[in-house]
Amino acid sequence: MSQFQRNLSEGNVAKQLIFFAVPFILSNLIQSLYNVADMIIVGQFSGTVSMSGVNIGGQITFIITNLVIGLAAGATVLIAQYLGAGQQKELEETIGTLFTVLILAAVLFSALMIVLRVPILRLIQTPAESFDEANRYLTITMAGTIFIFGYNALSAVMRGMGDSKRPLYFVGVACAVNVGLDLLMVKQWGMGASGAALATVISQAASMILCILYLKVNDFVFSFRLSAFGFHKERLKMLLKIGIPTSVQSFASSLSFLFLTTMVNGLGVTASAAVGAVGKFNGFAILPAVAISNSVAAMSAQNIGAGKLDRAKKTFFIGLALSFSFSTIIFTLSRIFPEEILSIFADDADLVAAGKVYLTYFGLDYLVVPFFFNLNGLFNGSGHTTFSLINGSMAAILVRIPACYFFGAICGLGLGGYGLGAPCASLAASLVGFGYFFSGRWTKSTIIRQEASS
């Protein structure tokens, strides 16, 4: 087994999960910090209008990014199961197919989004004051889609092979570059949302290029030569089967939050910026649960590939306990220090007051979402991404959006009511997920079993 591969199907389950999850948590922490840095630096040095523009443009960029994150997460599951089953050829072909698909997708999405950016911004009722800033931010980030896609794909491949440390190193480089460029372009040069967008794209490019160079020098399983790219029919079929549901689920979740942004935009630029500030904090707040659930997916996939279902189940319960512990701490801090948290993003009393109302209700999600995330991690690890898609999408579209509208608009709770949509959706998805868990259907792998019989 090479230096890039780690066997997660042997040894102490809790120890393996913690050692795998900690670098993952740190990676997500650093990534969240440099995403938050955009909002903080823009808020402090360019004002509420630019801050609103970064939030709105970032929401749309996040939807596109989530498509590749979902597909890459599917690749992580495939690679982990092939590694657990000792199927090296299938592993290498999956990596080559993934990279080829994502390069083509990056070019397509860049072209489409640059052409459609103005109609999209109008469709979601972008406030007139922040329209130009949102437009500039979106144009620049969409032009750099290939770097965002590339970094996430490389990280997903390494994590599927049991290596969560090297993605941490490269995201650390991206964070340092991003914060430095934010301070230069936004604070010193006064570029506002454009500077924040350029900093994001350049930092992702630097991280991706350094990652490729490092892997080539150290004889990674994929050579990055032109001949290594291509479509392997069976790998593409499995990649799409496992990855597309994960992508669509991420897209549906992001789309529901975009609907929320659209509803909040009708309340004005201060409300829009306040929700953006809470959204940036939320990206930091849920990262332990996200990282642990993704670790559960990778580790349970290797164990299921190796035929060790009991270890996969034990991985889920340990991951859930860890996630809930972290989330309870975050929930408590958000209750005790809401003003202090929001003041980090902007020195604006109206924004802090509006954000506090929203966070009071939205923050309830921290007590519920660990259950949903870790159930999804287990189901995705076994290849049951279609169930995760249906459950997550229905919760996002049929619960979160109606709940936001009902509590926020019909009941007249305003921002507080809009914040209730997230915990309502997580609760509904968790209840359905536990039903599927106790049914035992997730124990039937949809990857290794299918290929063995084909």
Protein backbone atom coordinates (compact mmCIF):
# COMPACT_ATOMS: atom_id res chain seq x y z
CA MET A 1 0.00 0.00 0.00
CA SER A 2 1.52 3.36 -1.08
CA GLN A 3 2.09 6.44 1.09
CA PHE A 4 -1.18 7.86 -0.29
CA GLN A 5 -3.23 4.84 0.81
CA ARG A 6 -4.36 4.01 4.33
CA ASN A 7 -6.31 0.94 5.39
CA LEU A 8 -9.32 2.08 7.45
CA SER A 9 -10.82 -1.42 7.71
CA GLU A 10 -8.44 -2.59 10.44
CA GLY A 11 -7.48 -1.43 13.93
CA ASN A 12 -9.46 0.41 16.61
CA VAL A 13 -12.54 2.02 15.02
CA ALA A 14 -12.67 5.10 17.27
CA LYS A 15 -8.94 5.74 16.91
CA GLN A 16 -9.02 5.32 13.13
CA LEU A 17 -12.03 7.63 12.78
CA ILE A 18 -10.55 10.33 15.01
CA PHE A 19 -7.15 10.26 13.29
CA PHE A 20 -8.83 10.41 9.89
CA ALA A 21 -11.41 13.04 10.91
CA VAL A 22 -9.11 15.51 12.72
CA PRO A 23 -7.16 16.57 9.59
CA PHE A 24 -10.51 16.68 7.76
CA ILE A 25 -11.96 18.96 10.46
CA LEU A 26 -8.88 21.17 10.34
CA SER A 27 -9.10 21.33 6.53
CA ASN A 28 -12.73 22.39 6.71
CA LEU A 29 -11.90 24.85 9.49
CA ILE A 30 -9.20 26.49 7.41
CA GLN A 31 -11.43 26.52 4.31
CA SER A 32 -14.25 28.08 6.32
CA LEU A 33 -11.89 30.63 7.80
CA TYR A 34 -10.72 31.83 4.43
CA ASN A 35 -14.31 31.96 3.17
CA VAL A 36 -15.22 33.95 6.27
CA ALA A 37 -12.17 36.15 5.71
CA ASP A 38 -13.76 37.40 2.49
CA MET A 39 -16.88 38.49 4.38
CA ILE A 40 -15.01 39.97 7.35
CA ILE A 41 -12.49 41.94 5.30
CA VAL A 42 -15.11 43.17 2.82
CA GLY A 43 -17.48 44.07 5.68
CA GLN A 44 -14.82 45.97 7.60
CA PHE A 45 -13.22 47.82 4.70
CA SER A 46 -15.85 48.05 1.93
CA GLY A 47 -19.16 48.28 3.80
CA THR A 48 -22.57 46.62 3.86
CA VAL A 49 -23.27 47.00 0.12
CA SER A 50 -20.14 45.09 -0.89
CA MET A 51 -20.81 42.58 1.86
CA SER A 52 -24.29 41.92 0.45
CA GLY A 53 -22.77 41.51 -3.02
CA VAL A 54 -20.26 38.94 -1.78
CA ASN A 55 -23.06 37.05 0.01
CA ILE A 56 -25.35 36.90 -3.02
CA GLY A 57 -22.62 36.12 -5.54
CA GLY A 58 -21.17 33.60 -3.12
CA GLN A 59 -24.53 31.84 -2.75
CA ILE A 60 -24.67 31.19 -6.49
CA THR A 61 -21.01 30.18 -6.64
CA PHE A 62 -21.64 27.80 -3.73
CA ILE A 63 -24.41 26.05 -5.66
CA ILE A 64 -22.07 25.37 -8.59
CA THR A 65 -19.28 24.32 -6.23
CA ASN A 66 -21.64 21.93 -4.44
CA LEU A 67 -22.28 20.13 -7.72
CA VAL A 68 -18.63 19.16 -7.98
CA ILE A 69 -18.34 18.50 -4.25
CA GLY A 70 -21.24 16.09 -4.53
CA LEU A 71 -19.74 14.30 -7.53
CA ALA A 72 -16.34 14.19 -5.84
CA ALA A 73 -17.93 12.78 -2.68
CA GLY A 74 -19.36 9.99 -4.83
CA ALA A 75 -15.88 9.35 -6.20
CA THR A 76 -14.54 9.18 -2.64
CA VAL A 77 -17.00 6.37 -1.91
CA LEU A 78 -16.11 4.46 -5.08
CA ILE A 79 -12.37 4.80 -4.51
CA ALA A 80 -12.68 3.78 -0.86
CA GLN A 81 -14.72 0.68 -1.69
CA TYR A 82 -12.36 -0.34 -4.49
CA LEU A 83 -9.41 0.16 -2.14
CA GLY A 84 -11.10 -1.89 0.59
CA ALA A 85 -11.82 -4.67 -1.92
CA GLY A 86 -8.27 -4.55 -3.36
CA GLN A 87 -9.46 -3.59 -6.89
CA GLN A 88 -6.52 -1.38 -8.00
CA LYS A 89 -7.39 -1.24 -11.71
CA GLU A 90 -10.92 -0.01 -11.01
CA LEU A 91 -9.52 2.56 -8.58
CA GLU A 92 -7.12 4.04 -11.17
CA GLU A 93 -9.76 4.10 -13.90
CA THR A 94 -12.20 5.90 -11.59
CA ILE A 95 -9.68 8.65 -10.86
CA GLY A 96 -8.95 9.21 -14.56
CA THR A 97 -12.64 9.32 -15.43
CA LEU A 98 -13.43 11.71 -12.57
CA PHE A 99 -10.78 14.23 -13.60
CA THR A 100 -11.86 14.12 -17.24
CA VAL A 101 -15.52 14.68 -16.40
CA LEU A 102 -14.78 17.57 -14.07
CA ILE A 103 -12.53 19.38 -16.55
CA LEU A 104 -15.29 19.31 -19.15
CA ALA A 105 -17.91 20.30 -16.56
CA ALA A 106 -15.79 23.25 -15.40
CA VAL A 107 -15.52 24.65 -18.92
CA LEU A 108 -19.27 24.22 -19.49
CA PHE A 109 -20.35 25.81 -16.20
CA SER A 110 -17.94 28.73 -16.61
CA ALA A 111 -19.36 29.58 -20.03
CA LEU A 112 -23.01 29.15 -19.00
CA MET A 113 -22.80 31.12 -15.77
CA ILE A 114 -20.90 34.04 -17.28
CA VAL A 115 -23.60 34.34 -19.96
CA LEU A 116 -26.53 33.90 -17.54
CA ARG A 117 -25.23 35.75 -14.48
CA VAL A 118 -27.26 38.97 -14.93
CA PRO A 119 -30.65 37.24 -15.47
CA ILE A 120 -29.95 35.00 -12.48
CA LEU A 121 -29.12 37.95 -10.22
CA ARG A 122 -32.32 39.66 -11.31
CA LEU A 123 -34.34 36.49 -10.80
CA ILE A 124 -33.30 36.24 -7.14
CA GLN A 125 -34.20 39.91 -6.53
CA THR A 126 -30.69 41.16 -5.83
CA PRO A 127 -30.99 44.58 -4.13
CA ALA A 128 -30.22 47.42 -6.55
CA GLU A 129 -27.53 48.82 -4.24
CA SER A 130 -25.48 45.62 -4.29
CA PHE A 131 -26.26 44.39 -7.83
CA ASP A 132 -23.00 45.57 -9.40
CA GLU A 133 -20.89 44.11 -6.61
CA ALA A 134 -22.69 40.75 -6.82
CA ASN A 135 -22.27 40.78 -10.60
CA ARG A 136 -18.53 41.41 -10.40
CA TYR A 137 -18.02 38.76 -7.72
CA LEU A 138 -19.96 36.14 -9.67
CA THR A 139 -18.21 36.87 -12.97
CA ILE A 140 -14.74 36.41 -11.50
CA THR A 141 -15.49 33.27 -9.45
CA MET A 142 -17.23 31.60 -12.41
CA ALA A 143 -14.22 32.34 -14.62
CA GLY A 144 -12.10 30.38 -12.12
CA THR A 145 -14.43 27.38 -11.86
CA ILE A 146 -11.79 24.94 -13.11
CA PHE A 147 -9.55 25.67 -10.13
CA ILE A 148 -12.39 25.26 -7.63
CA PHE A 149 -13.42 21.98 -9.27
CA GLY A 150 -9.84 20.74 -9.51
CA TYR A 151 -8.93 21.30 -5.88
CA ASN A 152 -12.09 19.60 -4.59
CA ALA A 153 -11.59 16.62 -6.91
CA LEU A 154 -7.99 16.07 -5.81
CA SER A 155 -8.95 16.30 -2.14
CA ALA A 156 -11.81 13.82 -2.59
CA VAL A 157 -9.54 11.29 -4.31
CA MET A 158 -6.92 11.42 -1.57
CA ARG A 159 -9.55 11.09 1.17
CA GLY A 160 -11.08 8.10 -0.58
CA MET A 161 -7.65 6.47 -0.38
CA GLY A 162 -7.55 7.10 3.36
CA ASP A 163 -5.31 10.20 3.23
CA SER A 164 -6.85 13.20 4.97
CA LYS A 165 -3.56 14.91 5.90
CA ARG A 166 -2.33 16.14 2.53
CA PRO A 167 -5.59 17.94 1.65
CA LEU A 168 -5.06 19.80 4.95
CA TYR A 169 -1.63 20.98 3.86
CA PHE A 170 -2.87 22.32 0.53
CA VAL A 171 -5.94 24.06 1.91
CA GLY A 172 -3.56 25.72 4.40
CA VAL A 173 -1.64 27.17 1.46
CA ALA A 174 -4.91 28.35 -0.13
CA CYS A 175 -5.99 30.03 3.12
CA ALA A 176 -2.72 31.94 3.54
CA VAL A 177 -2.79 33.13 -0.07
CA ASN A 178 -6.48 34.08 0.12
CA VAL A 179 -6.22 36.15 3.31
CA GLY A 180 -3.08 37.91 2.10
CA LEU A 181 -4.70 38.80 -1.23
CA ASP A 182 -7.93 39.88 0.53
CA LEU A 183 -5.99 42.36 2.64
CA LEU A 184 -4.09 43.62 -0.40
CA MET A 185 -6.96 43.85 -2.89
CA VAL A 186 -9.84 44.82 -0.58
CA LYS A 187 -8.17 46.84 2.17
CA GLN A 188 -5.24 48.40 0.31
CA TRP A 189 -6.56 48.64 -3.25
CA GLY A 190 -10.25 49.13 -2.41
CA MET A 191 -11.49 46.54 -4.92
CA GLY A 192 -14.49 45.43 -2.81
CA ALA A 193 -16.27 42.28 -3.97
CA SER A 194 -14.02 42.00 -7.03
CA GLY A 195 -10.94 41.77 -4.83
CA ALA A 196 -12.52 39.09 -2.65
CA ALA A 197 -13.44 37.05 -5.72
CA LEU A 198 -9.96 37.35 -7.26
CA ALA A 199 -8.38 36.32 -3.97
CA THR A 200 -10.58 33.20 -3.85
CA VAL A 201 -9.81 32.12 -7.42
CA ILE A 202 -6.06 32.73 -7.19
CA SER A 203 -5.78 30.88 -3.87
CA GLN A 204 -7.68 27.87 -5.25
CA ALA A 205 -5.45 27.87 -8.34
CA ALA A 206 -2.28 27.96 -6.23
CA SER A 207 -3.50 25.12 -4.04
CA MET A 208 -4.52 22.95 -6.99
CA ILE A 209 -1.26 23.45 -8.88
CA LEU A 210 0.89 22.75 -5.83
CA CYS A 211 -1.15 19.63 -5.11
CA ILE A 212 -0.66 18.27 -8.64
CA LEU A 213 3.09 18.98 -8.56
CA TYR A 214 3.46 17.25 -5.20
CA LEU A 215 1.55 14.17 -6.32
CA LYS A 216 3.54 13.88 -9.56
CA VAL A 217 6.88 14.11 -7.77
CA ASN A 218 5.81 11.45 -5.25
CA ASP A 219 4.54 8.87 -7.81
CA PHE A 220 0.84 9.16 -7.11
CA VAL A 221 -1.33 6.36 -8.54
CA PHE A 222 -2.57 8.79 -11.26
CA SER A 223 0.22 10.11 -13.51
CA PHE A 224 -1.55 13.29 -14.80
CA ARG A 225 -0.25 12.50 -18.29
CA LEU A 226 -2.69 13.18 -21.15
CA SER A 227 -2.97 9.43 -21.79
CA ALA A 228 -4.22 8.86 -18.23
CA PHE A 229 -7.34 10.93 -18.82
CA GLY A 230 -10.36 9.49 -20.57
CA PHE A 231 -13.75 7.88 -20.11
CA HIS A 232 -13.90 4.30 -18.87
CA LYS A 233 -17.46 3.23 -19.53
CA GLU A 234 -18.06 1.13 -16.41
CA ARG A 235 -16.26 3.63 -14.14
CA LEU A 236 -18.24 6.50 -15.63
CA LYS A 237 -21.47 4.59 -15.14
CA MET A 238 -20.72 3.89 -11.48
CA LEU A 239 -19.37 7.40 -10.90
CA LEU A 240 -22.57 8.92 -12.24
CA LYS A 241 -24.75 6.41 -10.40
CA ILE A 242 -23.14 7.21 -7.04
CA GLY A 243 -22.06 10.81 -7.63
CA ILE A 244 -25.05 12.40 -9.37
CA PRO A 245 -27.51 11.78 -6.49
CA THR A 246 -24.99 13.33 -4.08
CA SER A 247 -24.54 16.32 -6.41
CA VAL A 248 -28.27 16.76 -6.89
CA GLN A 249 -28.86 16.57 -3.14
CA SER A 250 -26.22 19.25 -2.54
CA PHE A 251 -27.74 21.31 -5.34
CA ALA A 252 -31.24 21.00 -3.86
CA SER A 253 -29.99 22.06 -0.43
CA SER A 254 -28.11 25.04 -1.87
CA LEU A 255 -31.12 25.94 -4.01
CA SER A 256 -33.36 26.00 -0.94
CA PHE A 257 -31.00 28.45 0.73
CA LEU A 258 -30.99 30.52 -2.46
CA PHE A 259 -34.80 30.70 -2.19
CA LEU A 260 -34.29 31.86 1.38
CA THR A 261 -31.87 34.52 0.14
CA THR A 262 -34.47 35.61 -2.42
CA MET A 263 -37.13 35.98 0.29
CA VAL A 264 -34.75 37.84 2.58
CA ASN A 265 -33.59 40.14 -0.25
CA GLY A 266 -37.12 41.56 -0.23
CA LEU A 267 -36.44 42.84 3.31
CA GLY A 268 -33.55 45.04 2.13
CA VAL A 269 -29.78 45.15 2.00
CA THR A 270 -29.26 45.04 5.79
CA ALA A 271 -31.29 41.84 6.14
CA SER A 272 -29.44 40.35 3.16
CA ALA A 273 -26.05 41.17 4.70
CA ALA A 274 -27.18 39.87 8.12
CA VAL A 275 -28.21 36.51 6.68
CA GLY A 276 -24.92 36.43 4.80
CA ALA A 277 -23.01 36.99 8.05
CA VAL A 278 -24.91 34.19 9.80
CA GLY A 279 -24.33 32.00 6.74
CA LYS A 280 -20.59 32.54 6.98
CA PHE A 281 -20.65 31.73 10.69
CA ASN A 282 -22.76 28.67 9.93
CA GLY A 283 -20.16 27.46 7.47
CA PHE A 284 -17.72 27.44 10.35
CA ALA A 285 -20.22 26.13 12.91
CA ILE A 286 -21.23 22.97 11.04
CA LEU A 287 -17.81 22.06 9.75
CA PRO A 288 -17.03 19.49 12.50
CA ALA A 289 -20.30 17.68 11.73
CA VAL A 290 -19.66 17.89 7.96
CA ALA A 291 -16.06 16.70 8.27
CA ILE A 292 -16.95 13.83 10.59
CA SER A 293 -19.85 12.70 8.39
CA ASN A 294 -17.57 12.73 5.32
CA SER A 295 -15.03 10.74 7.33
CA VAL A 296 -17.80 8.29 8.24
CA ALA A 297 -18.56 7.94 4.51
CA ALA A 298 -14.94 7.23 3.55
CA MET A 299 -14.26 4.88 6.45
CA SER A 300 -17.54 2.98 6.21
CA ALA A 301 -17.01 2.62 2.44
CA GLN A 302 -13.65 0.93 2.94
CA ASN A 303 -15.16 -1.36 5.59
CA ILE A 304 -18.17 -2.24 3.45
CA GLY A 305 -15.83 -2.92 0.53
CA ALA A 306 -13.93 -5.27 2.82
CA GLY A 307 -17.18 -6.92 3.97
CA LYS A 308 -17.01 -5.56 7.55
CA LEU A 309 -20.52 -4.21 8.17
CA ASP A 310 -20.21 -4.18 11.97
CA ARG A 311 -17.23 -1.82 11.73
CA ALA A 312 -19.21 0.42 9.37
CA LYS A 313 -22.10 0.60 11.84
CA LYS A 314 -19.75 1.28 14.75
CA THR A 315 -18.11 4.03 12.70
CA PHE A 316 -21.52 5.70 12.31
CA PHE A 317 -22.31 5.71 16.05
CA ILE A 318 -18.87 7.01 17.03
CA GLY A 319 -19.10 9.71 14.35
CA LEU A 320 -22.55 10.73 15.56
CA ALA A 321 -21.35 11.08 19.16
CA LEU A 322 -18.39 13.21 18.08
CA SER A 323 -20.51 15.42 15.79
CA PHE A 324 -23.19 16.01 18.39
CA SER A 325 -20.59 16.95 21.02
CA PHE A 326 -19.05 19.58 18.74
CA SER A 327 -22.43 20.93 17.61
CA THR A 328 -23.70 21.28 21.19
CA ILE A 329 -20.68 23.45 22.02
CA ILE A 330 -21.29 25.60 18.93
CA PHE A 331 -24.99 25.94 19.78
CA THR A 332 -24.16 27.08 23.32
CA LEU A 333 -21.65 29.68 22.09
CA SER A 334 -24.16 31.04 19.57
CA ARG A 335 -26.67 31.49 22.39
CA ILE A 336 -24.25 33.23 24.77
CA PHE A 337 -22.29 35.41 22.33
CA PRO A 338 -24.50 36.23 19.30
CA GLU A 339 -23.59 39.94 19.17
CA GLU A 340 -19.89 39.24 19.50
CA ILE A 341 -20.05 36.64 16.71
CA LEU A 342 -21.89 38.94 14.30
CA SER A 343 -19.75 41.98 15.14
CA ILE A 344 -16.79 40.10 13.68
CA PHE A 345 -18.30 40.54 10.23
CA ALA A 346 -19.28 44.21 10.33
CA ASP A 347 -19.41 47.16 12.72
CA ASP A 348 -23.07 47.86 11.96
CA ALA A 349 -25.60 47.90 14.83
CA ASP A 350 -28.59 47.29 12.53
CA LEU A 351 -26.90 44.32 10.88
CA VAL A 352 -25.96 42.80 14.25
CA ALA A 353 -29.50 43.25 15.59
CA ALA A 354 -31.06 41.64 12.50
CA GLY A 355 -28.52 38.81 12.47
CA LYS A 356 -29.13 38.04 16.15
CA VAL A 357 -32.83 37.45 15.50
CA TYR A 358 -32.07 35.16 12.58
CA LEU A 359 -29.33 33.23 14.43
CA THR A 360 -31.55 32.64 17.48
CA TYR A 361 -33.87 30.44 15.43
CA PHE A 362 -31.45 29.17 12.79
CA GLY A 363 -29.03 28.01 15.52
CA LEU A 364 -31.46 25.29 16.62
CA ASP A 365 -30.22 23.37 13.59
CA TYR A 366 -26.92 22.67 15.36
CA LEU A 367 -28.70 20.26 17.71
CA VAL A 368 -30.37 18.34 14.89
CA VAL A 369 -28.12 18.37 11.83
CA PRO A 370 -25.43 15.95 13.20
CA PHE A 371 -28.00 13.13 13.00
CA PHE A 372 -28.85 13.92 9.37
CA PHE A 373 -25.22 14.36 8.29
CA ASN A 374 -23.92 11.14 9.84
CA LEU A 375 -26.80 9.05 8.56
CA ASN A 376 -26.03 10.41 5.10
CA GLY A 377 -22.36 9.58 5.59
CA LEU A 378 -23.19 5.95 6.33
CA PHE A 379 -25.69 5.64 3.47
CA ASN A 380 -23.32 7.29 0.99
CA GLY A 381 -20.48 5.04 2.15
CA SER A 382 -22.55 1.98 1.26
CA GLY A 383 -23.45 3.50 -2.11
CA HIS A 384 -27.09 4.27 -1.24
CA THR A 385 -26.82 7.82 -2.52
CA THR A 386 -30.21 7.65 -4.23
CA PHE A 387 -31.94 7.37 -0.86
CA SER A 388 -29.83 10.24 0.48
CA LEU A 389 -30.80 12.26 -2.59
CA ILE A 390 -34.52 11.68 -2.16
CA ASN A 391 -34.48 12.24 1.60
CA GLY A 392 -32.25 15.32 1.54
CA SER A 393 -33.92 16.93 -1.47
CA MET A 394 -37.42 16.43 -0.13
CA ALA A 395 -36.37 17.93 3.20
CA ALA A 396 -34.78 20.93 1.44
CA ILE A 397 -37.53 21.61 -1.11
CA LEU A 398 -40.67 20.31 0.60
CA VAL A 399 -39.84 21.24 4.20
CA ARG A 400 -37.21 24.00 4.41
CA ILE A 401 -38.67 26.37 1.79
CA PRO A 402 -42.33 26.07 2.93
CA ALA A 403 -41.27 26.34 6.59
CA CYS A 404 -39.27 29.50 5.87
CA TYR A 405 -42.22 31.06 4.06
CA PHE A 406 -44.79 29.92 6.64
CA PHE A 407 -42.95 31.10 9.74
CA GLY A 408 -41.29 34.12 8.15
CA ALA A 409 -44.02 35.57 5.93
CA ILE A 410 -47.37 34.08 6.94
CA CYS A 411 -46.77 34.01 10.71
CA GLY A 412 -45.00 37.36 10.52
CA LEU A 413 -41.87 36.27 12.41
CA GLY A 414 -39.61 37.91 9.83
CA LEU A 415 -35.96 36.89 9.92
CA GLY A 416 -36.55 34.65 12.93
CA GLY A 417 -39.20 32.71 11.05
CA TYR A 418 -36.99 32.34 8.00
CA GLY A 419 -34.31 30.90 10.30
CA LEU A 420 -36.64 28.12 11.47
CA GLY A 421 -36.64 26.46 8.05
CA ALA A 422 -33.23 24.82 8.54
CA PRO A 423 -33.91 22.92 11.80
CA CYS A 424 -37.34 21.84 10.51
CA ALA A 425 -35.74 20.32 7.40
CA SER A 426 -32.94 18.59 9.34
CA LEU A 427 -35.42 17.09 11.80
CA ALA A 428 -37.65 15.70 9.04
CA ALA A 429 -34.68 14.21 7.15
CA SER A 430 -33.23 12.68 10.33
CA LEU A 431 -36.49 10.93 11.22
CA VAL A 432 -36.79 9.43 7.74
CA GLY A 433 -33.10 8.51 7.79
CA PHE A 434 -33.38 6.57 11.02
CA GLY A 435 -36.29 4.63 9.54
CA TYR A 436 -34.04 3.60 6.65
CA PHE A 437 -31.19 2.78 9.03
CA PHE A 438 -33.27 0.42 11.15
CA SER A 439 -34.70 -1.22 8.02
CA GLY A 440 -31.19 -2.56 7.27
CA ARG A 441 -31.43 -1.83 3.54
CA TRP A 442 -28.27 0.28 3.65
CA THR A 443 -26.22 -2.87 4.44
CA LYS A 444 -26.51 -4.06 0.83
CA SER A 445 -23.61 -2.46 -1.04
CA THR A 446 -24.58 -1.13 -4.48
CA ILE A 447 -20.98 -0.99 -5.76
CA ILE A 448 -18.80 -4.04 -5.09
CA ARG A 449 -21.76 -6.43 -5.13
CA GLN A 450 -22.94 -5.17 -8.53
CA GLU A 451 -19.50 -5.34 -10.10
CA ALA A 452 -18.90 -8.83 -8.79
CA SER A 453 -22.03 -10.03 -10.52
CA SER A 454 -21.49 -8.16 -13.80
